[in-house]
PDB file of all heavy atoms in Angstrom:
ATOM      1  N   PRO A   1     -77.647  10.914  -7.333  1.00  0.00           N
ATOM      2  CA  PRO A   1     -76.194  11.206  -7.380  1.00  0.00           C
ATOM      3  C   PRO A   1     -75.934  12.717  -7.686  1.00  0.00           C
ATOM      4  O   PRO A   1     -76.636  13.239  -8.553  1.00  0.00           O
ATOM      5  CB  PRO A   1     -75.727  10.342  -8.534  1.00  0.00           C
ATOM      6  CG  PRO A   1     -76.738   9.166  -8.531  1.00  0.00           C
ATOM      7  CD  PRO A   1     -78.021   9.779  -8.112  1.00  0.00           C
ATOM      8  N   GLY A   2     -74.939  13.194  -7.002  1.00  0.00           N
ATOM      9  CA  GLY A   2     -74.701  14.663  -7.099  1.00  0.00           C
ATOM     10  C   GLY A   2     -75.488  15.558  -6.181  1.00  0.00           C
ATOM     11  O   GLY A   2     -75.228  16.715  -6.043  1.00  0.00           O
ATOM     12  N   GLY A   3     -76.442  14.930  -5.471  1.00  0.00           N
ATOM     13  CA  GLY A   3     -77.285  15.655  -4.551  1.00  0.00           C
ATOM     14  C   GLY A   3     -76.669  15.791  -3.187  1.00  0.00           C
ATOM     15  O   GLY A   3     -75.488  15.335  -2.919  1.00  0.00           O
ATOM     16  N   SER A   4     -77.406  16.354  -2.316  1.00  0.00           N
ATOM     17  CA  SER A   4     -76.938  16.616  -0.897  1.00  0.00           C
ATOM     18  C   SER A   4     -77.930  16.061   0.078  1.00  0.00           C
ATOM     19  O   SER A   4     -79.133  15.973  -0.122  1.00  0.00           O
ATOM     20  CB  SER A   4     -76.738  18.197  -0.721  1.00  0.00           C
ATOM     21  OG  SER A   4     -75.812  18.689  -1.565  1.00  0.00           O
ATOM     22  N   LEU A   5     -77.384  15.742   1.257  1.00  0.00           N
ATOM     23  CA  LEU A   5     -78.253  15.281   2.324  1.00  0.00           C
ATOM     24  C   LEU A   5     -77.507  15.495   3.668  1.00  0.00           C
ATOM     25  O   LEU A   5     -76.260  15.479   3.665  1.00  0.00           O
ATOM     26  CB  LEU A   5     -78.506  13.770   2.141  1.00  0.00           C
ATOM     27  CG  LEU A   5     -79.486  13.082   3.039  1.00  0.00           C
ATOM     28  CD1 LEU A   5     -80.872  13.610   2.631  1.00  0.00           C
ATOM     29  CD2 LEU A   5     -79.435  11.569   2.895  1.00  0.00           C
ATOM     30  N   SER A   6     -78.231  15.742   4.689  1.00  0.00           N
ATOM     31  CA  SER A   6     -77.644  15.924   6.005  1.00  0.00           C
ATOM     32  C   SER A   6     -78.271  14.980   6.987  1.00  0.00           C
ATOM     33  O   SER A   6     -79.424  14.728   6.954  1.00  0.00           O
ATOM     34  CB  SER A   6     -77.849  17.426   6.506  1.00  0.00           C
ATOM     35  OG  SER A   6     -77.178  18.360   5.762  1.00  0.00           O
ATOM     36  N   VAL A   7     -77.401  14.427   7.866  1.00  0.00           N
ATOM     37  CA  VAL A   7     -77.817  13.617   9.007  1.00  0.00           C
ATOM     38  C   VAL A   7     -77.442  14.245  10.262  1.00  0.00           C
ATOM     39  O   VAL A   7     -76.458  15.019  10.309  1.00  0.00           O
ATOM     40  CB  VAL A   7     -77.338  12.187   8.862  1.00  0.00           C
ATOM     41  CG1 VAL A   7     -77.899  11.504   7.660  1.00  0.00           C
ATOM     42  CG2 VAL A   7     -75.811  12.167   8.704  1.00  0.00           C
ATOM     43  N   SER A   8     -78.179  14.023  11.309  1.00  0.00           N
ATOM     44  CA  SER A   8     -77.910  14.548  12.640  1.00  0.00           C
ATOM     45  C   SER A   8     -77.888  13.514  13.674  1.00  0.00           C
ATOM     46  O   SER A   8     -78.492  12.428  13.548  1.00  0.00           O
ATOM     47  CB  SER A   8     -78.899  15.659  12.913  1.00  0.00           C
ATOM     48  OG  SER A   8     -80.207  15.097  13.021  1.00  0.00           O
ATOM     49  N   CYS A   9     -77.265  13.838  14.768  1.00  0.00           N
ATOM     50  CA  CYS A   9     -77.170  12.906  15.917  1.00  0.00           C
ATOM     51  C   CYS A   9     -77.293  13.772  17.170  1.00  0.00           C
ATOM     52  O   CYS A   9     -76.387  14.666  17.415  1.00  0.00           O
ATOM     53  CB  CYS A   9     -75.846  12.195  15.853  1.00  0.00           C
ATOM     54  SG  CYS A   9     -75.504  11.129  17.289  1.00  0.00           S
ATOM     55  N   THR A  10     -78.244  13.494  17.916  1.00  0.00           N
ATOM     56  CA  THR A  10     -78.534  14.253  19.166  1.00  0.00           C
ATOM     57  C   THR A  10     -78.236  13.386  20.345  1.00  0.00           C
ATOM     58  O   THR A  10     -78.729  12.228  20.369  1.00  0.00           O
ATOM     59  CB  THR A  10     -79.999  14.788  19.212  1.00  0.00           C
ATOM     60  OG1 THR A  10     -80.159  15.669  18.108  1.00  0.00           O
ATOM     61  CG2 THR A  10     -80.230  15.546  20.508  1.00  0.00           C
ATOM     62  N   THR A  11     -77.569  13.854  21.301  1.00  0.00           N
ATOM     63  CA  THR A  11     -77.187  13.098  22.460  1.00  0.00           C
ATOM     64  C   THR A  11     -78.041  13.427  23.668  1.00  0.00           C
ATOM     65  O   THR A  11     -78.586  14.477  23.764  1.00  0.00           O
ATOM     66  CB  THR A  11     -75.664  13.283  22.848  1.00  0.00           C
ATOM     67  OG1 THR A  11     -75.490  14.637  23.234  1.00  0.00           O
ATOM     68  CG2 THR A  11     -74.795  13.031  21.632  1.00  0.00           C
ATOM     69  N   SER A  12     -78.014  12.480  24.643  1.00  0.00           N
ATOM     70  CA  SER A  12     -78.828  12.687  25.838  1.00  0.00           C
ATOM     71  C   SER A  12     -78.105  13.475  26.914  1.00  0.00           C
ATOM     72  O   SER A  12     -78.725  13.781  27.914  1.00  0.00           O
ATOM     73  CB  SER A  12     -79.262  11.316  26.461  1.00  0.00           C
ATOM     74  OG  SER A  12     -78.179  10.536  26.802  1.00  0.00           O
ATOM     75  N   LYS A  13     -76.842  13.852  26.620  1.00  0.00           N
ATOM     76  CA  LYS A  13     -76.133  14.683  27.616  1.00  0.00           C
ATOM     77  C   LYS A  13     -75.242  15.623  26.763  1.00  0.00           C
ATOM     78  O   LYS A  13     -75.153  15.428  25.521  1.00  0.00           O
ATOM     79  CB  LYS A  13     -75.305  13.897  28.606  1.00  0.00           C
ATOM     80  CG  LYS A  13     -74.076  13.138  27.960  1.00  0.00           C
ATOM     81  CD  LYS A  13     -73.241  12.459  29.055  1.00  0.00           C
ATOM     82  CE  LYS A  13     -72.022  11.833  28.509  1.00  0.00           C
ATOM     83  NZ  LYS A  13     -71.221  11.250  29.549  1.00  0.00           N
ATOM     84  N   THR A  14     -74.697  16.609  27.392  1.00  0.00           N
ATOM     85  CA  THR A  14     -73.828  17.552  26.695  1.00  0.00           C
ATOM     86  C   THR A  14     -72.736  16.799  25.884  1.00  0.00           C
ATOM     87  O   THR A  14     -72.006  15.927  26.419  1.00  0.00           O
ATOM     88  CB  THR A  14     -73.273  18.595  27.569  1.00  0.00           C
ATOM     89  OG1 THR A  14     -72.365  19.430  26.867  1.00  0.00           O
ATOM     90  CG2 THR A  14     -72.471  17.950  28.756  1.00  0.00           C
ATOM     91  N   ILE A  15     -72.580  17.135  24.663  1.00  0.00           N
ATOM     92  CA  ILE A  15     -71.567  16.541  23.848  1.00  0.00           C
ATOM     93  C   ILE A  15     -70.192  17.063  24.260  1.00  0.00           C
ATOM     94  O   ILE A  15     -69.167  16.338  23.922  1.00  0.00           O
ATOM     95  CB  ILE A  15     -71.733  16.762  22.360  1.00  0.00           C
ATOM     96  CG1 ILE A  15     -71.675  18.262  21.938  1.00  0.00           C
ATOM     97  CG2 ILE A  15     -73.061  16.156  21.900  1.00  0.00           C
ATOM     98  CD1 ILE A  15     -71.737  18.572  20.492  1.00  0.00           C
ATOM     99  N   LEU A  16     -70.103  18.067  25.039  1.00  0.00           N
ATOM    100  CA  LEU A  16     -68.856  18.602  25.587  1.00  0.00           C
ATOM    101  C   LEU A  16     -68.220  17.600  26.574  1.00  0.00           C
ATOM    102  O   LEU A  16     -66.980  17.638  26.843  1.00  0.00           O
ATOM    103  CB  LEU A  16     -68.973  19.930  26.173  1.00  0.00           C
ATOM    104  CG  LEU A  16     -69.241  21.077  25.178  1.00  0.00           C
ATOM    105  CD1 LEU A  16     -69.492  22.410  25.881  1.00  0.00           C
ATOM    106  CD2 LEU A  16     -68.183  21.217  24.170  1.00  0.00           C
ATOM    107  N   SER A  17     -69.055  16.738  27.146  1.00  0.00           N
ATOM    108  CA  SER A  17     -68.545  15.759  28.050  1.00  0.00           C
ATOM    109  C   SER A  17     -68.102  14.462  27.376  1.00  0.00           C
ATOM    110  O   SER A  17     -67.603  13.532  28.034  1.00  0.00           O
ATOM    111  CB  SER A  17     -69.603  15.382  29.056  1.00  0.00           C
ATOM    112  OG  SER A  17     -70.719  14.685  28.481  1.00  0.00           O
ATOM    113  N   ILE A  18     -68.229  14.403  26.049  1.00  0.00           N
ATOM    114  CA  ILE A  18     -67.770  13.280  25.257  1.00  0.00           C
ATOM    115  C   ILE A  18     -66.618  13.732  24.416  1.00  0.00           C
ATOM    116  O   ILE A  18     -66.717  14.670  23.699  1.00  0.00           O
ATOM    117  CB  ILE A  18     -68.963  12.763  24.376  1.00  0.00           C
ATOM    118  CG1 ILE A  18     -70.170  12.411  25.142  1.00  0.00           C
ATOM    119  CG2 ILE A  18     -68.464  11.539  23.531  1.00  0.00           C
ATOM    120  CD1 ILE A  18     -71.398  12.072  24.323  1.00  0.00           C
ATOM    121  N   TYR A  19     -65.556  13.025  24.547  1.00  0.00           N
ATOM    122  CA  TYR A  19     -64.280  13.497  23.966  1.00  0.00           C
ATOM    123  C   TYR A  19     -64.386  13.569  22.407  1.00  0.00           C
ATOM    124  O   TYR A  19     -63.975  14.589  21.791  1.00  0.00           O
ATOM    125  CB  TYR A  19     -63.126  12.580  24.275  1.00  0.00           C
ATOM    126  CG  TYR A  19     -61.847  12.838  23.534  1.00  0.00           C
ATOM    127  CD1 TYR A  19     -61.194  13.991  23.689  1.00  0.00           C
ATOM    128  CD2 TYR A  19     -61.425  11.965  22.568  1.00  0.00           C
ATOM    129  CE1 TYR A  19     -60.020  14.266  22.935  1.00  0.00           C
ATOM    130  CE2 TYR A  19     -60.315  12.231  21.820  1.00  0.00           C
ATOM    131  CZ  TYR A  19     -59.561  13.385  22.018  1.00  0.00           C
ATOM    132  OH  TYR A  19     -58.429  13.648  21.255  1.00  0.00           O
ATOM    133  N   ALA A  20     -64.981  12.553  21.786  1.00  0.00           N
ATOM    134  CA  ALA A  20     -65.033  12.514  20.377  1.00  0.00           C
ATOM    135  C   ALA A  20     -66.423  11.998  19.884  1.00  0.00           C
ATOM    136  O   ALA A  20     -66.873  11.049  20.432  1.00  0.00           O
ATOM    137  CB  ALA A  20     -63.918  11.621  19.767  1.00  0.00           C
ATOM    138  N   MET A  21     -66.936  12.648  18.892  1.00  0.00           N
ATOM    139  CA  MET A  21     -68.161  12.216  18.205  1.00  0.00           C
ATOM    140  C   MET A  21     -67.883  12.034  16.747  1.00  0.00           C
ATOM    141  O   MET A  21     -67.028  12.814  16.146  1.00  0.00           O
ATOM    142  CB  MET A  21     -69.270  13.221  18.427  1.00  0.00           C
ATOM    143  CG  MET A  21     -69.665  13.467  19.892  1.00  0.00           C
ATOM    144  SD  MET A  21     -70.670  12.026  20.531  1.00  0.00           S
ATOM    145  CE  MET A  21     -72.070  12.033  19.444  1.00  0.00           C
ATOM    146  N   GLY A  22     -68.581  11.149  16.166  1.00  0.00           N
ATOM    147  CA  GLY A  22     -68.390  11.000  14.714  1.00  0.00           C
ATOM    148  C   GLY A  22     -69.339  10.031  14.027  1.00  0.00           C
ATOM    149  O   GLY A  22     -70.368   9.627  14.664  1.00  0.00           O
ATOM    150  N   TRP A  23     -69.028   9.647  12.878  1.00  0.00           N
ATOM    151  CA  TRP A  23     -69.851   8.757  12.021  1.00  0.00           C
ATOM    152  C   TRP A  23     -69.040   7.638  11.433  1.00  0.00           C
ATOM    153  O   TRP A  23     -67.977   7.885  10.854  1.00  0.00           O
ATOM    154  CB  TRP A  23     -70.540   9.545  10.913  1.00  0.00           C
ATOM    155  CG  TRP A  23     -71.361  10.659  11.449  1.00  0.00           C
ATOM    156  CD1 TRP A  23     -71.005  11.902  11.766  1.00  0.00           C
ATOM    157  CD2 TRP A  23     -72.796  10.656  11.638  1.00  0.00           C
ATOM    158  NE1 TRP A  23     -72.054  12.645  12.216  1.00  0.00           N
ATOM    159  CE2 TRP A  23     -73.201  11.882  12.125  1.00  0.00           C
ATOM    160  CE3 TRP A  23     -73.762   9.653  11.484  1.00  0.00           C
ATOM    161  CZ2 TRP A  23     -74.506  12.180  12.441  1.00  0.00           C
ATOM    162  CZ3 TRP A  23     -75.090   9.978  11.751  1.00  0.00           C
ATOM    163  CH2 TRP A  23     -75.431  11.216  12.208  1.00  0.00           C
ATOM    164  N   TYR A  24     -69.546   6.480  11.547  1.00  0.00           N
ATOM    165  CA  TYR A  24     -69.090   5.297  10.766  1.00  0.00           C
ATOM    166  C   TYR A  24     -70.202   4.961   9.780  1.00  0.00           C
ATOM    167  O   TYR A  24     -71.332   5.269   9.968  1.00  0.00           O
ATOM    168  CB  TYR A  24     -68.867   4.067  11.644  1.00  0.00           C
ATOM    169  CG  TYR A  24     -67.528   4.081  12.406  1.00  0.00           C
ATOM    170  CD1 TYR A  24     -67.434   4.673  13.572  1.00  0.00           C
ATOM    171  CD2 TYR A  24     -66.432   3.378  11.912  1.00  0.00           C
ATOM    172  CE1 TYR A  24     -66.230   4.653  14.294  1.00  0.00           C
ATOM    173  CE2 TYR A  24     -65.262   3.334  12.613  1.00  0.00           C
ATOM    174  CZ  TYR A  24     -65.121   3.985  13.781  1.00  0.00           C
ATOM    175  OH  TYR A  24     -63.959   3.942  14.501  1.00  0.00           O
ATOM    176  N   ARG A  25     -69.777   4.309   8.660  1.00  0.00           N
ATOM    177  CA  ARG A  25     -70.786   3.802   7.794  1.00  0.00           C
ATOM    178  C   ARG A  25     -70.473   2.342   7.461  1.00  0.00           C
ATOM    179  O   ARG A  25     -69.288   1.923   7.418  1.00  0.00           O
ATOM    180  CB  ARG A  25     -70.907   4.649   6.515  1.00  0.00           C
ATOM    181  CG  ARG A  25     -69.740   4.655   5.574  1.00  0.00           C
ATOM    182  CD  ARG A  25     -69.905   5.613   4.473  1.00  0.00           C
ATOM    183  NE  ARG A  25     -68.730   5.650   3.576  1.00  0.00           N
ATOM    184  CZ  ARG A  25     -68.666   6.521   2.587  1.00  0.00           C
ATOM    185  NH1 ARG A  25     -69.611   7.411   2.353  1.00  0.00           N
ATOM    186  NH2 ARG A  25     -67.551   6.515   1.756  1.00  0.00           N
ATOM    187  N   GLN A  26     -71.529   1.652   7.119  1.00  0.00           N
ATOM    188  CA  GLN A  26     -71.410   0.147   6.774  1.00  0.00           C
ATOM    189  C   GLN A  26     -72.240  -0.098   5.548  1.00  0.00           C
ATOM    190  O   GLN A  26     -73.506   0.024   5.581  1.00  0.00           O
ATOM    191  CB  GLN A  26     -71.929  -0.704   7.970  1.00  0.00           C
ATOM    192  CG  GLN A  26     -71.861  -2.161   7.670  1.00  0.00           C
ATOM    193  CD  GLN A  26     -70.390  -2.672   7.872  1.00  0.00           C
ATOM    194  OE1 GLN A  26     -69.870  -2.616   8.937  1.00  0.00           O
ATOM    195  NE2 GLN A  26     -69.843  -3.217   6.877  1.00  0.00           N
ATOM    196  N   ALA A  27     -71.565  -0.482   4.456  1.00  0.00           N
ATOM    197  CA  ALA A  27     -72.288  -0.882   3.300  1.00  0.00           C
ATOM    198  C   ALA A  27     -72.307  -2.395   3.191  1.00  0.00           C
ATOM    199  O   ALA A  27     -71.357  -3.015   3.639  1.00  0.00           O
ATOM    200  CB  ALA A  27     -71.627  -0.246   1.996  1.00  0.00           C
ATOM    201  N   PRO A  28     -73.243  -3.008   2.454  1.00  0.00           N
ATOM    202  CA  PRO A  28     -73.230  -4.400   2.295  1.00  0.00           C
ATOM    203  C   PRO A  28     -71.980  -4.913   1.694  1.00  0.00           C
ATOM    204  O   PRO A  28     -71.558  -4.432   0.618  1.00  0.00           O
ATOM    205  CB  PRO A  28     -74.473  -4.696   1.399  1.00  0.00           C
ATOM    206  CG  PRO A  28     -75.356  -3.509   1.677  1.00  0.00           C
ATOM    207  CD  PRO A  28     -74.448  -2.407   1.855  1.00  0.00           C
ATOM    208  N   GLY A  29     -71.311  -5.881   2.269  1.00  0.00           N
ATOM    209  CA  GLY A  29     -70.127  -6.540   1.770  1.00  0.00           C
ATOM    210  C   GLY A  29     -68.919  -5.687   1.941  1.00  0.00           C
ATOM    211  O   GLY A  29     -67.810  -6.035   1.440  1.00  0.00           O
ATOM    212  N   ALA A  30     -68.954  -4.602   2.610  1.00  0.00           N
ATOM    213  CA  ALA A  30     -67.827  -3.699   2.883  1.00  0.00           C
ATOM    214  C   ALA A  30     -67.464  -3.638   4.294  1.00  0.00           C
ATOM    215  O   ALA A  30     -68.299  -3.912   5.199  1.00  0.00           O
ATOM    216  CB  ALA A  30     -68.128  -2.328   2.304  1.00  0.00           C
ATOM    217  N   GLN A  31     -66.282  -3.245   4.557  1.00  0.00           N
ATOM    218  CA  GLN A  31     -65.799  -3.018   5.940  1.00  0.00           C
ATOM    219  C   GLN A  31     -66.446  -1.712   6.493  1.00  0.00           C
ATOM    220  O   GLN A  31     -66.781  -0.774   5.749  1.00  0.00           O
ATOM    221  CB  GLN A  31     -64.310  -2.791   6.013  1.00  0.00           C
ATOM    222  CG  GLN A  31     -63.499  -4.038   5.573  1.00  0.00           C
ATOM    223  CD  GLN A  31     -61.998  -3.801   5.680  1.00  0.00           C
ATOM    224  OE1 GLN A  31     -61.495  -2.685   5.883  1.00  0.00           O
ATOM    225  NE2 GLN A  31     -61.228  -4.875   5.447  1.00  0.00           N
ATOM    226  N   ARG A  32     -66.689  -1.795   7.805  1.00  0.00           N
ATOM    227  CA  ARG A  32     -67.115  -0.572   8.472  1.00  0.00           C
ATOM    228  C   ARG A  32     -66.043   0.536   8.342  1.00  0.00           C
ATOM    229  O   ARG A  32     -64.859   0.250   8.562  1.00  0.00           O
ATOM    230  CB  ARG A  32     -67.394  -0.849   9.940  1.00  0.00           C
ATOM    231  CG  ARG A  32     -68.047   0.285  10.644  1.00  0.00           C
ATOM    232  CD  ARG A  32     -68.436  -0.034  12.058  1.00  0.00           C
ATOM    233  NE  ARG A  32     -67.218  -0.376  12.871  1.00  0.00           N
ATOM    234  CZ  ARG A  32     -67.261  -0.731  14.121  1.00  0.00           C
ATOM    235  NH1 ARG A  32     -68.487  -0.893  14.732  1.00  0.00           N
ATOM    236  NH2 ARG A  32     -66.161  -1.007  14.822  1.00  0.00           N
ATOM    237  N   GLU A  33     -66.474   1.694   7.918  1.00  0.00           N
ATOM    238  CA  GLU A  33     -65.558   2.774   7.611  1.00  0.00           C
ATOM    239  C   GLU A  33     -65.847   3.978   8.415  1.00  0.00           C
ATOM    240  O   GLU A  33     -66.965   4.440   8.581  1.00  0.00           O
ATOM    241  CB  GLU A  33     -65.671   3.153   6.171  1.00  0.00           C
ATOM    242  CG  GLU A  33     -64.815   4.289   5.673  1.00  0.00           C
ATOM    243  CD  GLU A  33     -65.129   4.657   4.270  1.00  0.00           C
ATOM    244  OE1 GLU A  33     -66.257   4.503   3.787  1.00  0.00           O
ATOM    245  OE2 GLU A  33     -64.235   5.227   3.555  1.00  0.00           O
ATOM    246  N   LEU A  34     -64.793   4.471   9.032  1.00  0.00           N
ATOM    247  CA  LEU A  34     -64.852   5.789   9.730  1.00  0.00           C
ATOM    248  C   LEU A  34     -64.987   6.907   8.732  1.00  0.00           C
ATOM    249  O   LEU A  34     -64.160   7.082   7.783  1.00  0.00           O
ATOM    250  CB  LEU A  34     -63.630   6.054  10.628  1.00  0.00           C
ATOM    251  CG  LEU A  34     -63.599   7.410  11.350  1.00  0.00           C
ATOM    252  CD1 LEU A  34     -64.675   7.493  12.317  1.00  0.00           C
ATOM    253  CD2 LEU A  34     -62.245   7.624  11.945  1.00  0.00           C
ATOM    254  N   VAL A  35     -66.050   7.668   8.781  1.00  0.00           N
ATOM    255  CA  VAL A  35     -66.388   8.719   7.783  1.00  0.00           C
ATOM    256  C   VAL A  35     -65.817  10.050   8.276  1.00  0.00           C
ATOM    257  O   VAL A  35     -65.084  10.735   7.598  1.00  0.00           O
ATOM    258  CB  VAL A  35     -67.860   8.821   7.639  1.00  0.00           C
ATOM    259  CG1 VAL A  35     -68.156   9.988   6.643  1.00  0.00           C
ATOM    260  CG2 VAL A  35     -68.412   7.494   7.020  1.00  0.00           C
ATOM    261  N   ALA A  36     -66.153  10.448   9.511  1.00  0.00           N
ATOM    262  CA  ALA A  36     -65.742  11.662  10.060  1.00  0.00           C
ATOM    263  C   ALA A  36     -65.733  11.633  11.553  1.00  0.00           C
ATOM    264  O   ALA A  36     -66.514  10.934  12.153  1.00  0.00           O
ATOM    265  CB  ALA A  36     -66.682  12.810   9.523  1.00  0.00           C
ATOM    266  N   ARG A  37     -64.937  12.520  12.170  1.00  0.00           N
ATOM    267  CA  ARG A  37     -64.830  12.542  13.620  1.00  0.00           C
ATOM    268  C   ARG A  37     -64.556  14.047  14.056  1.00  0.00           C
ATOM    269  O   ARG A  37     -63.791  14.721  13.339  1.00  0.00           O
ATOM    270  CB  ARG A  37     -63.747  11.684  14.108  1.00  0.00           C
ATOM    271  CG  ARG A  37     -63.538  11.737  15.619  1.00  0.00           C
ATOM    272  CD  ARG A  37     -62.435  10.734  16.110  1.00  0.00           C
ATOM    273  NE  ARG A  37     -61.168  11.049  15.381  1.00  0.00           N
ATOM    274  CZ  ARG A  37     -60.456  10.178  14.730  1.00  0.00           C
ATOM    275  NH1 ARG A  37     -60.871   8.957  14.630  1.00  0.00           N
ATOM    276  NH2 ARG A  37     -59.307  10.518  14.182  1.00  0.00           N
ATOM    277  N   ILE A  38     -65.179  14.495  15.124  1.00  0.00           N
ATOM    278  CA  ILE A  38     -64.856  15.762  15.658  1.00  0.00           C
ATOM    279  C   ILE A  38     -64.740  15.612  17.145  1.00  0.00           C
ATOM    280  O   ILE A  38     -65.548  14.943  17.818  1.00  0.00           O
ATOM    281  CB  ILE A  38     -65.951  16.753  15.237  1.00  0.00           C
ATOM    282  CG1 ILE A  38     -65.573  18.193  15.790  1.00  0.00           C
ATOM    283  CG2 ILE A  38     -67.325  16.369  15.823  1.00  0.00           C
ATOM    284  CD1 ILE A  38     -66.473  19.306  15.241  1.00  0.00           C
ATOM    285  N   THR A  39     -63.715  16.230  17.718  1.00  0.00           N
ATOM    286  CA  THR A  39     -63.473  16.176  19.142  1.00  0.00           C
ATOM    287  C   THR A  39     -64.137  17.325  19.878  1.00  0.00           C
ATOM    288  O   THR A  39     -64.457  18.323  19.188  1.00  0.00           O
ATOM    289  CB  THR A  39     -61.964  16.069  19.497  1.00  0.00           C
ATOM    290  OG1 THR A  39     -61.360  17.345  19.183  1.00  0.00           O
ATOM    291  CG2 THR A  39     -61.309  14.993  18.740  1.00  0.00           C
ATOM    292  N   SER A  40     -64.161  17.288  21.156  1.00  0.00           N
ATOM    293  CA  SER A  40     -64.753  18.347  21.902  1.00  0.00           C
ATOM    294  C   SER A  40     -63.901  19.654  21.831  1.00  0.00           C
ATOM    295  O   SER A  40     -64.403  20.741  21.997  1.00  0.00           O
ATOM    296  CB  SER A  40     -64.905  17.966  23.387  1.00  0.00           C
ATOM    297  OG  SER A  40     -63.589  17.675  23.969  1.00  0.00           O
ATOM    298  N   GLY A  41     -62.623  19.418  21.488  1.00  0.00           N
ATOM    299  CA  GLY A  41     -61.761  20.540  21.204  1.00  0.00           C
ATOM    300  C   GLY A  41     -61.759  21.076  19.776  1.00  0.00           C
ATOM    301  O   GLY A  41     -61.093  22.060  19.442  1.00  0.00           O
ATOM    302  N   GLY A  42     -62.591  20.441  18.910  1.00  0.00           N
ATOM    303  CA  GLY A  42     -62.707  20.916  17.554  1.00  0.00           C
ATOM    304  C   GLY A  42     -61.822  20.324  16.508  1.00  0.00           C
ATOM    305  O   GLY A  42     -61.819  20.788  15.380  1.00  0.00           O
ATOM    306  N   ARG A  43     -61.063  19.325  16.883  1.00  0.00           N
ATOM    307  CA  ARG A  43     -60.192  18.646  15.948  1.00  0.00           C
ATOM    308  C   ARG A  43     -61.073  17.761  15.024  1.00  0.00           C
ATOM    309  O   ARG A  43     -61.800  16.897  15.496  1.00  0.00           O
ATOM    310  CB  ARG A  43     -59.135  17.812  16.597  1.00  0.00           C
ATOM    311  CG  ARG A  43     -58.240  17.071  15.681  1.00  0.00           C
ATOM    312  CD  ARG A  43     -57.026  16.511  16.395  1.00  0.00           C
ATOM    313  NE  ARG A  43     -57.361  15.737  17.533  1.00  0.00           N
ATOM    314  CZ  ARG A  43     -57.659  14.469  17.573  1.00  0.00           C
ATOM    315  NH1 ARG A  43     -57.605  13.781  16.334  1.00  0.00           N
ATOM    316  NH2 ARG A  43     -57.980  13.764  18.583  1.00  0.00           N
TER     317      ARG A  43
END
């Protein structure tokens, strides 16, 4: 707790051809949650 960690996701094609990329997370007994999203335009 209080520490830091990074995760990465590498795609098999240019991510610029994918409108939106992001992360969901799923904890036991919890709903799937959208964590973060970034679009090809930077939103």
